[in-house]
Amino acid sequence: MNNLQKWGGSAALLHAAAYVVGLVLGVTLIFPLLEASPDQYLKFLADNQTLMYLWNLISYWGSAITLVVMALALYERLRSSSPALMQIATVFGFIWAGLIIASGNLMLHNLGVVVDLYGKDPAQAQAAWTALEAVENGIVSGNELVGSLWVLLLSLAVLKTGELTKALSSLGVVLGIAGLLTIIPALAEAMIMIFGPGMIVWSVWMGIVMLRRSSSAAVQKPAAFAAR
């Protein structure tokens, strides 16, 4: 169990790192072009396929893989104190990871299709991109909702058991509620700005707590054994 806690703590830190790298690349290079004309955006995709693949692998696959490890480690840690709540929370964690992978794979597929069309018929590529993006956004839009349910239920379990810090679990409750409020159109943009960056802080904090607790447990076991 102690090894799983170390993996979970490391995964939480890497999860936050994937968020940060993906956010930095997105804000500096990719997101500004969303306001450009469709032709300019498609030209950027065609000229920067490697960058887009790298961004996708870090932001989606990196995030999803670390999320699975973190969810398993937290389930192992809290299941004895709050079994029902942790079972439900962990299911939502796995669904969230699946949605992230599905979103990333769809983006990669769409990128290949559109870039190939752009070299032959730019107008057709624009029409295809509009249609494919609508499907893509439909999947991505569920990420915050499912993710917020995982964070919220997990944080409620932590508050119930007192296993981790109260401040960390309180932050998780706030982020979970913010993520759920993204379903309201008038609040969606503001709540995403709370949930996204907030998850970076929460993941780093969770990683530090898990690594410290696992290290403390590893020290206490030999001491207890020697005392006997």
C-alpha atoms as a PDB file:
ATOM      1  CA  MET A   1       0.000   0.000   0.000  1.00  0.00           C
ATOM      2  CA  ASN A   2       2.843   2.378   0.862  1.00  0.00           C
ATOM      3  CA  ASN A   3       4.300   2.044  -2.644  1.00  0.00           C
ATOM      4  CA  LEU A   4       0.905   2.813  -4.168  1.00  0.00           C
ATOM      5  CA  GLN A   5       0.690   5.939  -2.010  1.00  0.00           C
ATOM      6  CA  LYS A   6       4.089   7.080  -3.284  1.00  0.00           C
ATOM      7  CA  TRP A   7       2.989   6.433  -6.862  1.00  0.00           C
ATOM      8  CA  GLY A   8      -0.236   8.292  -6.191  1.00  0.00           C
ATOM      9  CA  GLY A   9       1.588  11.272  -4.720  1.00  0.00           C
ATOM     10  CA  SER A  10       4.025  11.381  -7.632  1.00  0.00           C
ATOM     11  CA  ALA A  11       1.125  10.989 -10.086  1.00  0.00           C
ATOM     12  CA  ALA A  12      -0.662  13.952  -8.474  1.00  0.00           C
ATOM     13  CA  LEU A  13       2.410  16.145  -8.994  1.00  0.00           C
ATOM     14  CA  LEU A  14       2.792  14.953 -12.595  1.00  0.00           C
ATOM     15  CA  HIS A  15      -0.930  15.533 -13.137  1.00  0.00           C
ATOM     16  CA  ALA A  16      -0.463  19.145 -12.097  1.00  0.00           C
ATOM     17  CA  ALA A  17       2.622  19.412 -14.326  1.00  0.00           C
ATOM     18  CA  ALA A  18       0.616  18.138 -17.312  1.00  0.00           C
ATOM     19  CA  TYR A  19      -2.005  20.801 -16.585  1.00  0.00           C
ATOM     20  CA  VAL A  20       0.629  23.538 -16.407  1.00  0.00           C
ATOM     21  CA  VAL A  21       2.522  22.524 -19.562  1.00  0.00           C
ATOM     22  CA  GLY A  22      -0.701  22.093 -21.526  1.00  0.00           C
ATOM     23  CA  LEU A  23      -2.037  25.426 -20.268  1.00  0.00           C
ATOM     24  CA  VAL A  24       1.173  27.311 -21.079  1.00  0.00           C
ATOM     25  CA  LEU A  25       1.384  25.870 -24.599  1.00  0.00           C
ATOM     26  CA  GLY A  26      -2.309  26.505 -25.138  1.00  0.00           C
ATOM     27  CA  VAL A  27      -2.361  30.091 -23.887  1.00  0.00           C
ATOM     28  CA  THR A  28       0.838  31.159 -25.655  1.00  0.00           C
ATOM     29  CA  LEU A  29       0.540  29.351 -28.990  1.00  0.00           C
ATOM     30  CA  ILE A  30      -2.793  27.662 -29.625  1.00  0.00           C
ATOM     31  CA  PHE A  31      -5.719  29.454 -27.969  1.00  0.00           C
ATOM     32  CA  PRO A  32      -4.996  32.905 -29.502  1.00  0.00           C
ATOM     33  CA  LEU A  33      -5.437  31.401 -32.962  1.00  0.00           C
ATOM     34  CA  LEU A  34      -8.968  30.327 -32.087  1.00  0.00           C
ATOM     35  CA  GLU A  35      -9.896  33.985 -32.599  1.00  0.00           C
ATOM     36  CA  ALA A  36      -8.227  34.037 -36.029  1.00  0.00           C
ATOM     37  CA  SER A  37      -9.962  33.247 -39.292  1.00  0.00           C
ATOM     38  CA  PRO A  38     -10.655  29.552 -40.010  1.00  0.00           C
ATOM     39  CA  ASP A  39      -8.101  29.611 -42.822  1.00  0.00           C
ATOM     40  CA  GLN A  40      -5.377  30.994 -40.540  1.00  0.00           C
ATOM     41  CA  TYR A  41      -6.149  28.411 -37.864  1.00  0.00           C
ATOM     42  CA  LEU A  42      -6.113  25.510 -40.312  1.00  0.00           C
ATOM     43  CA  LYS A  43      -2.837  26.746 -41.775  1.00  0.00           C
ATOM     44  CA  PHE A  44      -1.380  26.807 -38.269  1.00  0.00           C
ATOM     45  CA  LEU A  45      -2.527  23.215 -37.698  1.00  0.00           C
ATOM     46  CA  ALA A  46      -0.990  22.104 -40.971  1.00  0.00           C
ATOM     47  CA  ASP A  47       2.321  23.826 -40.218  1.00  0.00           C
ATOM     48  CA  ASN A  48       2.553  22.734 -36.575  1.00  0.00           C
ATOM     49  CA  GLN A  49       1.378  19.129 -36.439  1.00  0.00           C
ATOM     50  CA  THR A  50       4.245  18.035 -34.185  1.00  0.00           C
ATOM     51  CA  LEU A  51       3.479  20.775 -31.680  1.00  0.00           C
ATOM     52  CA  MET A  52      -0.204  19.855 -31.651  1.00  0.00           C
ATOM     53  CA  TYR A  53       0.586  16.167 -31.115  1.00  0.00           C
ATOM     54  CA  LEU A  54       2.965  17.026 -28.277  1.00  0.00           C
ATOM     55  CA  TRP A  55       0.412  19.333 -26.654  1.00  0.00           C
ATOM     56  CA  ASN A  56      -2.241  16.651 -26.962  1.00  0.00           C
ATOM     57  CA  LEU A  57      -0.085  13.871 -25.498  1.00  0.00           C
ATOM     58  CA  ILE A  58       0.901  15.979 -22.484  1.00  0.00           C
ATOM     59  CA  SER A  59      -2.463  17.642 -21.846  1.00  0.00           C
ATOM     60  CA  TYR A  60      -4.679  14.607 -22.420  1.00  0.00           C
ATOM     61  CA  TRP A  61      -2.789  11.321 -22.203  1.00  0.00           C
ATOM     62  CA  GLY A  62      -0.404  12.551 -19.509  1.00  0.00           C
ATOM     63  CA  SER A  63      -3.269  13.971 -17.494  1.00  0.00           C
ATOM     64  CA  ALA A  64      -5.421  10.828 -17.849  1.00  0.00           C
ATOM     65  CA  ILE A  65      -2.711   8.301 -16.953  1.00  0.00           C
ATOM     66  CA  THR A  66      -1.669  10.185 -13.827  1.00  0.00           C
ATOM     67  CA  LEU A  67      -5.324  10.639 -12.885  1.00  0.00           C
ATOM     68  CA  VAL A  68      -5.914   6.855 -12.906  1.00  0.00           C
ATOM     69  CA  VAL A  69      -2.933   6.222 -10.615  1.00  0.00           C
ATOM     70  CA  MET A  70      -3.980   9.028  -8.272  1.00  0.00           C
ATOM     71  CA  ALA A  71      -7.595   7.802  -8.125  1.00  0.00           C
ATOM     72  CA  LEU A  72      -6.471   4.237  -7.307  1.00  0.00           C
ATOM     73  CA  ALA A  73      -4.085   5.410  -4.588  1.00  0.00           C
ATOM     74  CA  LEU A  74      -6.737   7.598  -2.960  1.00  0.00           C
ATOM     75  CA  TYR A  75      -9.300   4.802  -3.127  1.00  0.00           C
ATOM     76  CA  GLU A  76      -6.851   2.447  -1.423  1.00  0.00           C
ATOM     77  CA  ARG A  77      -6.172   5.015   1.271  1.00  0.00           C
ATOM     78  CA  LEU A  78      -9.780   5.943   2.080  1.00  0.00           C
ATOM     79  CA  ARG A  79     -11.864   2.884   1.224  1.00  0.00           C
ATOM     80  CA  SER A  80     -11.823   1.353   4.719  1.00  0.00           C
ATOM     81  CA  SER A  81     -13.158   4.523   6.358  1.00  0.00           C
ATOM     82  CA  SER A  82     -15.699   5.484   3.689  1.00  0.00           C
ATOM     83  CA  PRO A  83     -16.229   2.510   1.327  1.00  0.00           C
ATOM     84  CA  ALA A  84     -19.461   3.510  -0.429  1.00  0.00           C
ATOM     85  CA  LEU A  85     -18.497   7.130  -1.051  1.00  0.00           C
ATOM     86  CA  MET A  86     -15.034   6.172  -2.285  1.00  0.00           C
ATOM     87  CA  GLN A  87     -16.409   3.538  -4.659  1.00  0.00           C
ATOM     88  CA  ILE A  88     -18.708   6.103  -6.271  1.00  0.00           C
ATOM     89  CA  ALA A  89     -15.991   8.776  -6.348  1.00  0.00           C
ATOM     90  CA  THR A  90     -13.435   6.415  -7.922  1.00  0.00           C
ATOM     91  CA  VAL A  91     -15.864   5.390 -10.663  1.00  0.00           C
ATOM     92  CA  PHE A  92     -16.256   9.058 -11.588  1.00  0.00           C
ATOM     93  CA  GLY A  93     -12.469   9.416 -11.511  1.00  0.00           C
ATOM     94  CA  PHE A  94     -12.080   6.589 -14.019  1.00  0.00           C
ATOM     95  CA  ILE A  95     -14.870   7.979 -16.207  1.00  0.00           C
ATOM     96  CA  TRP A  96     -13.115  11.344 -16.167  1.00  0.00           C
ATOM     97  CA  ALA A  97      -9.850   9.736 -17.270  1.00  0.00           C
ATOM     98  CA  GLY A  98     -11.721   7.929 -20.058  1.00  0.00           C
ATOM     99  CA  LEU A  99     -13.316  11.161 -21.254  1.00  0.00           C
ATOM    100  CA  ILE A 100      -9.938  12.899 -21.272  1.00  0.00           C
ATOM    101  CA  ILE A 101      -8.421  10.101 -23.387  1.00  0.00           C
ATOM    102  CA  ALA A 102     -11.440  10.104 -25.718  1.00  0.00           C
ATOM    103  CA  SER A 103     -11.163  13.882 -26.119  1.00  0.00           C
ATOM    104  CA  GLY A 104      -7.466  13.679 -26.895  1.00  0.00           C
ATOM    105  CA  ASN A 105      -7.845  10.830 -29.376  1.00  0.00           C
ATOM    106  CA  LEU A 106     -10.671  12.618 -31.141  1.00  0.00           C
ATOM    107  CA  MET A 107      -8.591  15.779 -31.421  1.00  0.00           C
ATOM    108  CA  LEU A 108      -5.675  13.843 -32.902  1.00  0.00           C
ATOM    109  CA  HIS A 109      -7.961  12.108 -35.395  1.00  0.00           C
ATOM    110  CA  ASN A 110      -9.632  15.390 -36.349  1.00  0.00           C
ATOM    111  CA  LEU A 111      -6.238  17.010 -36.804  1.00  0.00           C
ATOM    112  CA  GLY A 112      -5.136  14.345 -39.270  1.00  0.00           C
ATOM    113  CA  VAL A 113      -8.379  14.478 -41.234  1.00  0.00           C
ATOM    114  CA  VAL A 114      -8.463  18.276 -41.478  1.00  0.00           C
ATOM    115  CA  VAL A 115      -4.782  18.711 -42.333  1.00  0.00           C
ATOM    116  CA  ASP A 116      -5.087  16.121 -45.101  1.00  0.00           C
ATOM    117  CA  LEU A 117      -8.144  17.892 -46.510  1.00  0.00           C
ATOM    118  CA  TYR A 118      -6.513  21.306 -46.198  1.00  0.00           C
ATOM    119  CA  GLY A 119      -3.769  20.284 -48.609  1.00  0.00           C
ATOM    120  CA  LYS A 120      -6.398  19.347 -51.207  1.00  0.00           C
ATOM    121  CA  ASP A 121      -9.353  21.657 -50.635  1.00  0.00           C
ATOM    122  CA  PRO A 122      -9.132  24.402 -47.943  1.00  0.00           C
ATOM    123  CA  ALA A 123     -12.855  25.195 -48.178  1.00  0.00           C
ATOM    124  CA  GLN A 124     -13.813  21.569 -47.588  1.00  0.00           C
ATOM    125  CA  ALA A 125     -11.319  21.414 -44.718  1.00  0.00           C
ATOM    126  CA  GLN A 126     -13.037  24.378 -43.045  1.00  0.00           C
ATOM    127  CA  ALA A 127     -16.443  22.723 -43.356  1.00  0.00           C
ATOM    128  CA  ALA A 128     -15.098  19.430 -41.990  1.00  0.00           C
ATOM    129  CA  TRP A 129     -13.382  21.188 -39.101  1.00  0.00           C
ATOM    130  CA  THR A 130     -16.610  22.923 -38.078  1.00  0.00           C
ATOM    131  CA  ALA A 131     -18.486  19.611 -37.992  1.00  0.00           C
ATOM    132  CA  LEU A 132     -15.733  17.670 -36.235  1.00  0.00           C
ATOM    133  CA  GLU A 133     -15.190  20.425 -33.678  1.00  0.00           C
ATOM    134  CA  ALA A 134     -18.859  20.298 -32.696  1.00  0.00           C
ATOM    135  CA  VAL A 135     -18.534  16.586 -31.833  1.00  0.00           C
ATOM    136  CA  GLU A 136     -15.233  17.204 -30.075  1.00  0.00           C
ATOM    137  CA  ASN A 137     -16.687  19.992 -27.919  1.00  0.00           C
ATOM    138  CA  GLY A 138     -19.605  17.759 -26.976  1.00  0.00           C
ATOM    139  CA  ILE A 139     -17.231  15.273 -25.371  1.00  0.00           C
ATOM    140  CA  VAL A 140     -14.872  17.833 -23.855  1.00  0.00           C
ATOM    141  CA  SER A 141     -17.730  19.776 -22.258  1.00  0.00           C
ATOM    142  CA  GLY A 142     -18.427  16.828 -19.964  1.00  0.00           C
ATOM    143  CA  ASN A 143     -14.927  16.801 -18.522  1.00  0.00           C
ATOM    144  CA  GLU A 144     -15.469  19.487 -15.883  1.00  0.00           C
ATOM    145  CA  LEU A 145     -18.764  17.976 -14.737  1.00  0.00           C
ATOM    146  CA  VAL A 146     -17.419  14.444 -14.252  1.00  0.00           C
ATOM    147  CA  GLY A 147     -14.130  15.686 -12.848  1.00  0.00           C
ATOM    148  CA  SER A 148     -15.869  17.959 -10.374  1.00  0.00           C
ATOM    149  CA  LEU A 149     -17.999  15.051  -9.134  1.00  0.00           C
ATOM    150  CA  TRP A 150     -14.841  13.022  -8.468  1.00  0.00           C
ATOM    151  CA  VAL A 151     -13.151  15.879  -6.609  1.00  0.00           C
ATOM    152  CA  LEU A 152     -16.303  16.752  -4.658  1.00  0.00           C
ATOM    153  CA  LEU A 153     -17.117  13.191  -3.540  1.00  0.00           C
ATOM    154  CA  LEU A 154     -13.479  12.479  -2.750  1.00  0.00           C
ATOM    155  CA  SER A 155     -13.229  15.652  -0.665  1.00  0.00           C
ATOM    156  CA  LEU A 156     -16.415  14.800   1.222  1.00  0.00           C
ATOM    157  CA  ALA A 157     -14.939  11.381   2.010  1.00  0.00           C
ATOM    158  CA  VAL A 158     -11.761  13.048   3.289  1.00  0.00           C
ATOM    159  CA  LEU A 159     -13.796  15.408   5.491  1.00  0.00           C
ATOM    160  CA  LYS A 160     -15.716  12.426   6.836  1.00  0.00           C
ATOM    161  CA  THR A 161     -12.653  10.326   7.634  1.00  0.00           C
ATOM    162  CA  GLY A 162     -10.185  13.061   8.570  1.00  0.00           C
ATOM    163  CA  GLU A 163      -7.515  11.036   6.768  1.00  0.00           C
ATOM    164  CA  LEU A 164      -5.930  13.998   4.957  1.00  0.00           C
ATOM    165  CA  THR A 165      -5.884  17.714   5.753  1.00  0.00           C
ATOM    166  CA  LYS A 166      -9.154  19.584   6.301  1.00  0.00           C
ATOM    167  CA  ALA A 167      -7.980  22.622   4.321  1.00  0.00           C
ATOM    168  CA  LEU A 168      -7.176  20.457   1.288  1.00  0.00           C
ATOM    169  CA  SER A 169     -10.553  18.748   1.396  1.00  0.00           C
ATOM    170  CA  SER A 170     -12.305  22.122   1.797  1.00  0.00           C
ATOM    171  CA  LEU A 171     -10.548  23.369  -1.330  1.00  0.00           C
ATOM    172  CA  GLY A 172     -11.704  20.216  -3.118  1.00  0.00           C
ATOM    173  CA  VAL A 173     -15.322  20.911  -2.133  1.00  0.00           C
ATOM    174  CA  VAL A 174     -15.073  24.471  -3.490  1.00  0.00           C
ATOM    175  CA  LEU A 175     -13.543  23.237  -6.763  1.00  0.00           C
ATOM    176  CA  GLY A 176     -16.121  20.469  -7.065  1.00  0.00           C
ATOM    177  CA  ILE A 177     -18.983  22.945  -6.706  1.00  0.00           C
ATOM    178  CA  ALA A 178     -17.324  25.328  -9.180  1.00  0.00           C
ATOM    179  CA  GLY A 179     -16.985  22.502 -11.704  1.00  0.00           C
ATOM    180  CA  LEU A 180     -20.653  21.568 -11.333  1.00  0.00           C
ATOM    181  CA  LEU A 181     -21.674  25.195 -11.873  1.00  0.00           C
ATOM    182  CA  THR A 182     -20.055  25.134 -15.336  1.00  0.00           C
ATOM    183  CA  ILE A 183     -23.308  23.576 -16.517  1.00  0.00           C
ATOM    184  CA  ILE A 184     -24.940  27.028 -16.146  1.00  0.00           C
ATOM    185  CA  PRO A 185     -24.097  28.982 -19.337  1.00  0.00           C
ATOM    186  CA  ALA A 186     -23.923  32.363 -17.622  1.00  0.00           C
ATOM    187  CA  LEU A 187     -21.406  31.032 -15.074  1.00  0.00           C
ATOM    188  CA  ALA A 188     -19.520  28.544 -17.233  1.00  0.00           C
ATOM    189  CA  GLU A 189     -16.541  30.695 -18.234  1.00  0.00           C
ATOM    190  CA  ALA A 190     -15.943  32.056 -14.728  1.00  0.00           C
ATOM    191  CA  MET A 191     -16.306  28.638 -13.101  1.00  0.00           C
ATOM    192  CA  ILE A 192     -13.884  27.034 -15.594  1.00  0.00           C
ATOM    193  CA  MET A 193     -11.327  29.695 -14.665  1.00  0.00           C
ATOM    194  CA  ILE A 194     -11.740  28.643 -11.018  1.00  0.00           C
ATOM    195  CA  PHE A 195     -11.841  24.884 -11.598  1.00  0.00           C
ATOM    196  CA  GLY A 196      -8.911  24.600 -14.042  1.00  0.00           C
ATOM    197  CA  PRO A 197      -6.198  26.587 -12.212  1.00  0.00           C
ATOM    198  CA  GLY A 198      -7.620  25.425  -8.883  1.00  0.00           C
ATOM    199  CA  MET A 199      -7.031  21.808  -9.872  1.00  0.00           C
ATOM    200  CA  ILE A 200      -3.336  22.584 -10.366  1.00  0.00           C
ATOM    201  CA  VAL A 201      -3.084  23.841  -6.778  1.00  0.00           C
ATOM    202  CA  TRP A 202      -5.205  20.948  -5.469  1.00  0.00           C
ATOM    203  CA  SER A 203      -3.154  18.299  -7.295  1.00  0.00           C
ATOM    204  CA  VAL A 204       0.185  19.709  -6.091  1.00  0.00           C
ATOM    205  CA  TRP A 205      -1.120  19.946  -2.546  1.00  0.00           C
ATOM    206  CA  MET A 206      -2.547  16.409  -2.700  1.00  0.00           C
ATOM    207  CA  GLY A 207       0.732  15.052  -4.065  1.00  0.00           C
ATOM    208  CA  ILE A 208       2.754  16.647  -1.269  1.00  0.00           C
ATOM    209  CA  VAL A 209       0.372  15.373   1.418  1.00  0.00           C
ATOM    210  CA  MET A 210       0.359  11.818   0.022  1.00  0.00           C
ATOM    211  CA  LEU A 211       4.144  11.667  -0.273  1.00  0.00           C
ATOM    212  CA  ARG A 212       4.639  13.044   3.239  1.00  0.00           C
ATOM    213  CA  ARG A 213       2.116  10.669   4.770  1.00  0.00           C
ATOM    214  CA  SER A 214       3.600   7.649   2.961  1.00  0.00           C
ATOM    215  CA  SER A 215       7.105   8.634   4.108  1.00  0.00           C
ATOM    216  CA  SER A 216       5.886   9.023   7.707  1.00  0.00           C
ATOM    217  CA  ALA A 217       4.228   5.605   7.566  1.00  0.00           C
ATOM    218  CA  ALA A 218       7.418   4.041   6.241  1.00  0.00           C
ATOM    219  CA  VAL A 219       9.420   5.505   9.151  1.00  0.00           C
ATOM    220  CA  GLN A 220       6.863   4.500  11.766  1.00  0.00           C
ATOM    221  CA  LYS A 221       6.707   0.841  10.722  1.00  0.00           C
ATOM    222  CA  PRO A 222      10.380  -0.007  11.403  1.00  0.00           C
ATOM    223  CA  ALA A 223      10.223   1.955  14.681  1.00  0.00           C
ATOM    224  CA  ALA A 224       7.174   0.005  15.819  1.00  0.00           C
ATOM    225  CA  PHE A 225       8.804  -3.274  14.827  1.00  0.00           C
ATOM    226  CA  ALA A 226      12.000  -2.411  16.762  1.00  0.00           C
ATOM    227  CA  ALA A 227       9.971  -1.516  19.849  1.00  0.00           C
ATOM    228  CA  ARG A 228       8.461  -4.963  19.887  1.00  0.00           C
END
